[in-house]
Every structure is written in C-alpha cells, then in structure tokens.
Amino acid sequence: MTRTRYAFIKANWHAETVDQALAGFCELIPREQVDVFDVPGAFEMPLLARDLARTGQYAAVAAAAFVVDGGIYRHDFVAQAVVDGLMRAGMDSDVPVLSVSLTPHQYQETEHHTAIFKAHFVEKGREAAQAALMIGKTREGLSAAA
C-alpha cells in the first residue's frame, strides 16, 4: 500500500526561519498531502515524530528546527539529542523520519544572517521532500521484489 500523506513537524523557536523549510518541502510535495504539526521547540520533535509515524498514515515524517547558541553551551547537546531521537523514531516505527534540524555556528540575529538561514531552510525543506519521495520509491521497490 502506497501512502501519499506526509507529516511535517515544526519547532516554534525561530518560527519565521523554520517555517521556510515547510515552504521548500511543499514545492515538491503538494501542501494538501502534508499534515503540519507545531511543537514548542526542537526537543519535543522526536516523541511526536515517533507517535505520528506509528499511526501508519504517513509515507514519511519530516521535522524542522533551528537550534542556535543562546549564549550558554547547550545547543550542541540539544541538537545531538534531537537528531538521535528522530533517527530512533524512524527505526522504531519503520517509517522514514527526516531531519531538517540545523545548528549553525556563529549565528547572529542580524538581517543578513536571518536572510541566509531562511533561504537555507527552503533548500533543506526541498531536500527533505526529495529524500521522502526517494526512500518511498526505493522501499516500494524492495517490497515488490520480495
């Protein structure tokens, strides 16, 4: 059975930047096939990704967050925990879970940096959509060959 729905989780921190990933994702996968879920921050994404994947409704789950250095050294730990959790959610559910979680070094909340990362999130959203479509076709081919 080919699933044609996709889940997209967005962290609300830096929403104006993170939302650009959804825009990029929907350039390749029609918006009407994408269910969008908001979470407070990146750390909450893996649990929801696992829960959504386990519903059996989605061909893939993508999760987007922008984890920046807020002046205390914790962003690297959060980013690593999120990526590890998303990977585990996919492995545990047998549904592709894709990360559009970025952790820049040297980020400053200037107009210049914000513009760069907004554009980068659009591209990363496109890449997540491409990955979702490609892994779906590859896995479908494995099922047909079995």
N, C-alpha and C. Protein backbone atom coordinates (compact mmCIF):
# COMPACT_ATOMS: atom_id res chain seq x y z
N MET A 1 0.84 -1.18 0.00
CA MET A 1 0.00 0.00 0.00
C MET A 1 0.89 1.25 0.00
N THR A 2 0.71 2.10 -0.97
CA THR A 2 1.48 3.33 -1.07
C THR A 2 0.75 4.44 -0.31
N ARG A 3 1.44 5.01 0.65
CA ARG A 3 0.87 6.13 1.40
C ARG A 3 1.25 7.43 0.69
N THR A 4 0.32 8.36 0.64
CA THR A 4 0.57 9.62 -0.05
C THR A 4 0.50 10.82 0.88
N ARG A 5 0.40 10.59 2.17
CA ARG A 5 0.37 11.69 3.13
C ARG A 5 1.72 11.76 3.84
N TYR A 6 2.06 12.98 4.20
CA TYR A 6 3.33 13.25 4.87
C TYR A 6 3.06 14.11 6.09
N ALA A 7 3.80 13.86 7.15
CA ALA A 7 3.71 14.70 8.35
C ALA A 7 4.92 15.63 8.37
N PHE A 8 4.69 16.86 8.77
CA PHE A 8 5.77 17.84 8.88
C PHE A 8 5.66 18.52 10.24
N ILE A 9 6.69 18.34 11.06
CA ILE A 9 6.72 18.92 12.41
C ILE A 9 7.62 20.15 12.37
N LYS A 10 7.14 21.25 12.97
CA LYS A 10 7.92 22.48 13.03
C LYS A 10 8.07 22.93 14.47
N ALA A 11 9.30 23.24 14.85
CA ALA A 11 9.55 23.83 16.16
C ALA A 11 9.21 25.31 16.10
N ASN A 12 8.60 25.82 17.15
CA ASN A 12 8.17 27.22 17.17
C ASN A 12 9.29 28.23 17.45
N TRP A 13 10.41 27.77 18.02
CA TRP A 13 11.54 28.69 18.21
C TRP A 13 12.05 29.10 16.84
N HIS A 14 12.22 30.37 16.62
CA HIS A 14 12.67 30.92 15.33
C HIS A 14 11.72 30.51 14.21
N ALA A 15 10.42 30.57 14.49
CA ALA A 15 9.39 30.11 13.55
C ALA A 15 9.50 30.77 12.19
N GLU A 16 9.83 32.05 12.14
CA GLU A 16 9.90 32.74 10.85
C GLU A 16 10.98 32.13 9.94
N THR A 17 11.98 31.52 10.54
CA THR A 17 13.02 30.84 9.76
C THR A 17 12.64 29.39 9.51
N VAL A 18 12.21 28.70 10.55
CA VAL A 18 11.87 27.27 10.44
C VAL A 18 10.72 27.05 9.45
N ASP A 19 9.76 27.95 9.42
CA ASP A 19 8.62 27.81 8.51
C ASP A 19 9.04 27.74 7.05
N GLN A 20 10.21 28.26 6.75
CA GLN A 20 10.69 28.23 5.37
C GLN A 20 10.97 26.79 4.91
N ALA A 21 11.30 25.91 5.84
CA ALA A 21 11.52 24.50 5.48
C ALA A 21 10.23 23.88 4.96
N LEU A 22 9.12 24.21 5.58
CA LEU A 22 7.83 23.71 5.10
C LEU A 22 7.54 24.24 3.69
N ALA A 23 7.86 25.50 3.46
CA ALA A 23 7.66 26.08 2.13
C ALA A 23 8.46 25.30 1.08
N GLY A 24 9.71 25.00 1.39
CA GLY A 24 10.53 24.22 0.47
C GLY A 24 10.01 22.81 0.28
N PHE A 25 9.58 22.19 1.36
CA PHE A 25 9.03 20.83 1.31
C PHE A 25 7.83 20.78 0.37
N CYS A 26 6.98 21.79 0.48
CA CYS A 26 5.75 21.82 -0.31
C CYS A 26 5.96 22.26 -1.75
N GLU A 27 7.17 22.62 -2.11
CA GLU A 27 7.49 22.85 -3.52
C GLU A 27 7.51 21.53 -4.29
N LEU A 28 7.78 20.43 -3.59
CA LEU A 28 7.86 19.12 -4.24
C LEU A 28 6.71 18.19 -3.87
N ILE A 29 6.18 18.35 -2.68
CA ILE A 29 5.05 17.53 -2.22
C ILE A 29 3.88 18.49 -2.01
N PRO A 30 2.77 18.28 -2.70
CA PRO A 30 1.64 19.21 -2.60
C PRO A 30 1.19 19.43 -1.16
N ARG A 31 0.94 20.69 -0.82
CA ARG A 31 0.57 21.08 0.54
C ARG A 31 -0.64 20.29 1.05
N GLU A 32 -1.57 19.94 0.15
CA GLU A 32 -2.76 19.20 0.59
C GLU A 32 -2.44 17.76 1.01
N GLN A 33 -1.22 17.30 0.75
CA GLN A 33 -0.79 15.97 1.18
C GLN A 33 0.05 16.02 2.46
N VAL A 34 0.20 17.22 3.01
CA VAL A 34 1.08 17.41 4.17
C VAL A 34 0.27 17.87 5.38
N ASP A 35 0.36 17.09 6.46
CA ASP A 35 -0.24 17.49 7.74
C ASP A 35 0.86 18.14 8.57
N VAL A 36 0.58 19.34 9.07
CA VAL A 36 1.59 20.13 9.77
C VAL A 36 1.29 20.14 11.27
N PHE A 37 2.35 19.95 12.04
CA PHE A 37 2.24 19.91 13.50
C PHE A 37 3.29 20.84 14.09
N ASP A 38 2.86 21.69 15.02
CA ASP A 38 3.78 22.59 15.70
C ASP A 38 4.13 22.04 17.08
N VAL A 39 5.38 22.22 17.47
CA VAL A 39 5.84 21.86 18.81
C VAL A 39 6.58 23.07 19.37
N PRO A 40 6.71 23.15 20.70
CA PRO A 40 7.38 24.31 21.29
C PRO A 40 8.82 24.50 20.79
N GLY A 41 9.59 23.43 20.81
CA GLY A 41 10.99 23.53 20.40
C GLY A 41 11.48 22.22 19.81
N ALA A 42 12.74 22.18 19.47
CA ALA A 42 13.33 21.02 18.83
C ALA A 42 13.25 19.76 19.69
N PHE A 43 13.43 19.92 20.98
CA PHE A 43 13.50 18.77 21.87
C PHE A 43 12.21 17.94 21.88
N GLU A 44 11.10 18.57 21.55
CA GLU A 44 9.81 17.87 21.55
C GLU A 44 9.53 17.12 20.25
N MET A 45 10.34 17.30 19.24
CA MET A 45 10.07 16.69 17.94
C MET A 45 10.16 15.17 17.89
N PRO A 46 11.18 14.53 18.47
CA PRO A 46 11.29 13.07 18.31
C PRO A 46 10.10 12.28 18.83
N LEU A 47 9.55 12.66 19.97
CA LEU A 47 8.41 11.93 20.52
C LEU A 47 7.20 12.04 19.59
N LEU A 48 6.92 13.25 19.12
CA LEU A 48 5.78 13.42 18.22
C LEU A 48 6.05 12.72 16.88
N ALA A 49 7.29 12.77 16.40
CA ALA A 49 7.63 12.08 15.16
C ALA A 49 7.36 10.59 15.30
N ARG A 50 7.75 10.00 16.40
CA ARG A 50 7.50 8.58 16.63
C ARG A 50 6.01 8.30 16.67
N ASP A 51 5.27 9.11 17.39
CA ASP A 51 3.82 8.90 17.51
C ASP A 51 3.13 9.02 16.15
N LEU A 52 3.51 10.01 15.37
CA LEU A 52 2.91 10.19 14.04
C LEU A 52 3.27 9.03 13.12
N ALA A 53 4.53 8.62 13.15
CA ALA A 53 4.96 7.50 12.31
C ALA A 53 4.20 6.23 12.65
N ARG A 54 3.97 6.00 13.92
CA ARG A 54 3.29 4.78 14.36
C ARG A 54 1.82 4.73 13.97
N THR A 55 1.24 5.86 13.56
CA THR A 55 -0.17 5.85 13.15
C THR A 55 -0.37 5.06 11.86
N GLY A 56 0.68 4.91 11.07
CA GLY A 56 0.57 4.21 9.79
C GLY A 56 -0.04 5.06 8.69
N GLN A 57 -0.28 6.33 8.97
CA GLN A 57 -0.92 7.22 7.98
C GLN A 57 0.07 7.89 7.04
N TYR A 58 1.36 7.88 7.38
CA TYR A 58 2.31 8.73 6.68
C TYR A 58 3.39 7.94 5.96
N ALA A 59 3.71 8.39 4.74
CA ALA A 59 4.81 7.81 3.97
C ALA A 59 6.14 8.20 4.62
N ALA A 60 6.18 9.39 5.22
CA ALA A 60 7.37 9.87 5.91
C ALA A 60 6.98 10.99 6.86
N VAL A 61 7.85 11.24 7.82
CA VAL A 61 7.69 12.34 8.76
C VAL A 61 8.94 13.19 8.66
N ALA A 62 8.77 14.50 8.46
CA ALA A 62 9.90 15.43 8.45
C ALA A 62 9.77 16.34 9.66
N ALA A 63 10.91 16.70 10.23
CA ALA A 63 10.90 17.56 11.42
C ALA A 63 11.93 18.66 11.25
N ALA A 64 11.50 19.91 11.47
CA ALA A 64 12.37 21.06 11.25
C ALA A 64 12.52 21.89 12.51
N ALA A 65 13.78 22.27 12.79
CA ALA A 65 14.08 23.13 13.93
C ALA A 65 15.36 23.89 13.66
N PHE A 66 15.51 24.99 14.35
CA PHE A 66 16.71 25.82 14.27
C PHE A 66 17.23 25.94 15.69
N VAL A 67 18.30 25.24 15.98
CA VAL A 67 18.87 25.20 17.33
C VAL A 67 20.10 26.10 17.34
N VAL A 68 19.99 27.25 17.98
CA VAL A 68 21.09 28.21 17.96
C VAL A 68 21.73 28.34 19.33
N ASP A 69 22.94 28.83 19.31
CA ASP A 69 23.69 29.08 20.54
C ASP A 69 23.11 30.33 21.19
N GLY A 70 22.44 30.13 22.30
CA GLY A 70 21.83 31.25 23.00
C GLY A 70 22.72 31.87 24.06
N GLY A 71 24.00 31.59 24.00
CA GLY A 71 24.91 32.18 24.95
C GLY A 71 25.35 31.24 26.05
N ILE A 72 24.65 30.12 26.17
CA ILE A 72 25.09 29.08 27.11
C ILE A 72 25.33 27.82 26.30
N TYR A 73 26.31 27.07 26.69
CA TYR A 73 26.69 25.90 25.91
C TYR A 73 25.73 24.75 26.17
N ARG A 74 24.67 24.68 25.36
CA ARG A 74 23.74 23.55 25.44
C ARG A 74 23.18 23.20 24.08
N HIS A 75 23.32 24.08 23.11
CA HIS A 75 22.73 23.86 21.79
C HIS A 75 23.27 22.60 21.12
N ASP A 76 24.56 22.31 21.28
CA ASP A 76 25.11 21.10 20.67
C ASP A 76 24.48 19.85 21.26
N PHE A 77 24.23 19.86 22.58
CA PHE A 77 23.62 18.70 23.23
C PHE A 77 22.18 18.52 22.77
N VAL A 78 21.45 19.62 22.68
CA VAL A 78 20.07 19.56 22.22
C VAL A 78 20.03 19.05 20.79
N ALA A 79 20.85 19.61 19.92
CA ALA A 79 20.85 19.21 18.52
C ALA A 79 21.16 17.72 18.37
N GLN A 80 22.15 17.23 19.10
CA GLN A 80 22.51 15.82 19.01
C GLN A 80 21.39 14.93 19.52
N ALA A 81 20.76 15.31 20.62
CA ALA A 81 19.65 14.53 21.17
C ALA A 81 18.48 14.48 20.19
N VAL A 82 18.21 15.60 19.54
CA VAL A 82 17.10 15.66 18.58
C VAL A 82 17.37 14.75 17.38
N VAL A 83 18.54 14.86 16.79
CA VAL A 83 18.86 14.04 15.62
C VAL A 83 18.86 12.55 16.00
N ASP A 84 19.44 12.22 17.14
CA ASP A 84 19.43 10.83 17.60
C ASP A 84 17.99 10.34 17.82
N GLY A 85 17.17 11.18 18.44
CA GLY A 85 15.78 10.81 18.70
C GLY A 85 14.97 10.63 17.43
N LEU A 86 15.20 11.49 16.45
CA LEU A 86 14.49 11.36 15.18
C LEU A 86 14.90 10.08 14.46
N MET A 87 16.17 9.77 14.48
CA MET A 87 16.64 8.53 13.87
C MET A 87 16.01 7.32 14.56
N ARG A 88 15.99 7.35 15.86
CA ARG A 88 15.39 6.24 16.61
C ARG A 88 13.90 6.13 16.33
N ALA A 89 13.21 7.26 16.20
CA ALA A 89 11.78 7.24 15.89
C ALA A 89 11.53 6.53 14.57
N GLY A 90 12.37 6.79 13.58
CA GLY A 90 12.23 6.12 12.29
C GLY A 90 12.53 4.64 12.38
N MET A 91 13.58 4.29 13.08
CA MET A 91 13.95 2.88 13.22
C MET A 91 12.90 2.11 14.00
N ASP A 92 12.37 2.72 15.06
CA ASP A 92 11.37 2.05 15.90
C ASP A 92 10.02 1.90 15.21
N SER A 93 9.69 2.83 14.31
CA SER A 93 8.37 2.82 13.68
C SER A 93 8.38 2.21 12.28
N ASP A 94 9.54 2.03 11.70
CA ASP A 94 9.68 1.52 10.34
C ASP A 94 9.11 2.50 9.30
N VAL A 95 9.11 3.78 9.64
CA VAL A 95 8.67 4.84 8.74
C VAL A 95 9.82 5.85 8.66
N PRO A 96 10.17 6.32 7.47
CA PRO A 96 11.25 7.31 7.37
C PRO A 96 10.94 8.57 8.17
N VAL A 97 11.86 8.97 9.02
CA VAL A 97 11.76 10.21 9.78
C VAL A 97 12.98 11.05 9.39
N LEU A 98 12.72 12.20 8.82
CA LEU A 98 13.76 13.04 8.23
C LEU A 98 14.00 14.29 9.06
N SER A 99 15.24 14.66 9.18
CA SER A 99 15.60 15.83 9.98
C SER A 99 15.95 17.02 9.09
N VAL A 100 15.31 18.14 9.40
CA VAL A 100 15.67 19.43 8.83
C VAL A 100 16.04 20.32 10.03
N SER A 101 16.88 19.77 10.88
CA SER A 101 17.29 20.46 12.10
C SER A 101 18.70 20.99 11.91
N LEU A 102 18.82 22.29 11.95
CA LEU A 102 20.10 22.94 11.72
C LEU A 102 20.62 23.60 12.99
N THR A 103 21.92 23.50 13.20
CA THR A 103 22.59 24.10 14.34
C THR A 103 23.80 24.88 13.84
N PRO A 104 23.61 26.15 13.55
CA PRO A 104 24.71 26.92 12.98
C PRO A 104 25.73 27.33 14.05
N HIS A 105 26.97 27.45 13.61
CA HIS A 105 27.99 28.06 14.46
C HIS A 105 28.06 29.52 14.06
N GLN A 106 28.29 30.37 15.01
CA GLN A 106 28.46 31.80 14.74
C GLN A 106 27.19 32.49 14.25
N TYR A 107 26.01 32.02 14.65
CA TYR A 107 24.77 32.67 14.22
C TYR A 107 24.56 33.95 15.03
N GLN A 108 24.18 35.00 14.34
CA GLN A 108 23.82 36.26 14.98
C GLN A 108 22.48 36.69 14.41
N GLU A 109 21.62 37.18 15.27
CA GLU A 109 20.28 37.58 14.82
C GLU A 109 20.34 38.93 14.12
N THR A 110 21.00 38.93 12.99
CA THR A 110 21.07 40.13 12.15
C THR A 110 20.21 39.88 10.91
N GLU A 111 19.88 40.93 10.22
CA GLU A 111 19.09 40.80 8.99
C GLU A 111 19.82 39.91 7.98
N HIS A 112 21.13 40.07 7.88
CA HIS A 112 21.94 39.30 6.94
C HIS A 112 21.90 37.81 7.27
N HIS A 113 22.19 37.44 8.51
CA HIS A 113 22.18 36.03 8.89
C HIS A 113 20.78 35.42 8.78
N THR A 114 19.78 36.17 9.18
CA THR A 114 18.40 35.68 9.10
C THR A 114 18.04 35.37 7.65
N ALA A 115 18.39 36.24 6.74
CA ALA A 115 18.09 36.02 5.31
C ALA A 115 18.81 34.78 4.79
N ILE A 116 20.07 34.61 5.19
CA ILE A 116 20.84 33.44 4.75
C ILE A 116 20.16 32.16 5.23
N PHE A 117 19.78 32.11 6.50
CA PHE A 117 19.22 30.87 7.03
C PHE A 117 17.78 30.63 6.57
N LYS A 118 17.02 31.68 6.31
CA LYS A 118 15.69 31.47 5.73
C LYS A 118 15.82 30.78 4.37
N ALA A 119 16.73 31.26 3.55
CA ALA A 119 16.95 30.64 2.23
C ALA A 119 17.48 29.22 2.38
N HIS A 120 18.34 29.01 3.35
CA HIS A 120 18.91 27.68 3.58
C HIS A 120 17.81 26.70 4.02
N PHE A 121 16.89 27.16 4.84
CA PHE A 121 15.79 26.28 5.27
C PHE A 121 14.88 25.91 4.11
N VAL A 122 14.65 26.81 3.17
CA VAL A 122 13.86 26.47 1.98
C VAL A 122 14.55 25.31 1.25
N GLU A 123 15.84 25.44 1.04
CA GLU A 123 16.59 24.39 0.35
C GLU A 123 16.56 23.07 1.13
N LYS A 124 16.74 23.13 2.43
CA LYS A 124 16.72 21.91 3.25
C LYS A 124 15.33 21.28 3.25
N GLY A 125 14.28 22.09 3.17
CA GLY A 125 12.93 21.55 3.05
C GLY A 125 12.75 20.80 1.75
N ARG A 126 13.27 21.36 0.66
CA ARG A 126 13.24 20.68 -0.64
C ARG A 126 13.99 19.35 -0.56
N GLU A 127 15.16 19.38 0.05
CA GLU A 127 15.96 18.16 0.17
C GLU A 127 15.23 17.09 0.99
N ALA A 128 14.53 17.50 2.03
CA ALA A 128 13.77 16.54 2.83
C ALA A 128 12.65 15.92 1.99
N ALA A 129 11.98 16.73 1.18
CA ALA A 129 10.92 16.21 0.31
C ALA A 129 11.50 15.24 -0.71
N GLN A 130 12.64 15.59 -1.30
CA GLN A 130 13.29 14.69 -2.25
C GLN A 130 13.64 13.37 -1.57
N ALA A 131 14.17 13.45 -0.36
CA ALA A 131 14.53 12.23 0.38
C ALA A 131 13.29 11.41 0.69
N ALA A 132 12.21 12.05 1.10
CA ALA A 132 10.97 11.33 1.41
C ALA A 132 10.46 10.59 0.19
N LEU A 133 10.46 11.26 -0.95
CA LEU A 133 9.99 10.63 -2.18
C LEU A 133 10.91 9.49 -2.62
N MET A 134 12.20 9.72 -2.54
CA MET A 134 13.16 8.71 -2.98
C MET A 134 13.14 7.47 -2.10
N ILE A 135 13.13 7.65 -0.79
CA ILE A 135 13.13 6.48 0.10
C ILE A 135 11.83 5.72 -0.04
N GLY A 136 10.74 6.42 -0.30
CA GLY A 136 9.46 5.75 -0.53
C GLY A 136 9.51 4.85 -1.76
N LYS A 137 10.05 5.38 -2.86
CA LYS A 137 10.16 4.58 -4.09
C LYS A 137 11.11 3.40 -3.90
N THR A 138 12.21 3.64 -3.23
CA THR A 138 13.18 2.56 -3.00
C THR A 138 12.57 1.46 -2.16
N ARG A 139 11.89 1.81 -1.09
CA ARG A 139 11.29 0.81 -0.22
C ARG A 139 10.15 0.09 -0.92
N GLU A 140 9.40 0.82 -1.75
CA GLU A 140 8.32 0.20 -2.53
C GLU A 140 8.91 -0.85 -3.47
N GLY A 141 10.04 -0.54 -4.08
CA GLY A 141 10.72 -1.48 -4.96
C GLY A 141 11.19 -2.73 -4.23
N LEU A 142 11.62 -2.57 -3.01
CA LEU A 142 12.03 -3.73 -2.20
C LEU A 142 10.86 -4.65 -1.91
N SER A 143 9.71 -4.03 -1.62
CA SER A 143 8.50 -4.82 -1.34
C SER A 143 8.06 -5.60 -2.58
N ALA A 144 8.15 -4.94 -3.73
CA ALA A 144 7.71 -5.58 -4.97
C ALA A 144 8.64 -6.74 -5.35
N ALA A 145 9.91 -6.61 -5.01
CA ALA A 145 10.89 -7.66 -5.35
C ALA A 145 10.80 -8.87 -4.42
N ALA A 146 10.24 -8.66 -3.25
CA ALA A 146 10.18 -9.74 -2.26
C ALA A 146 9.11 -10.78 -2.55
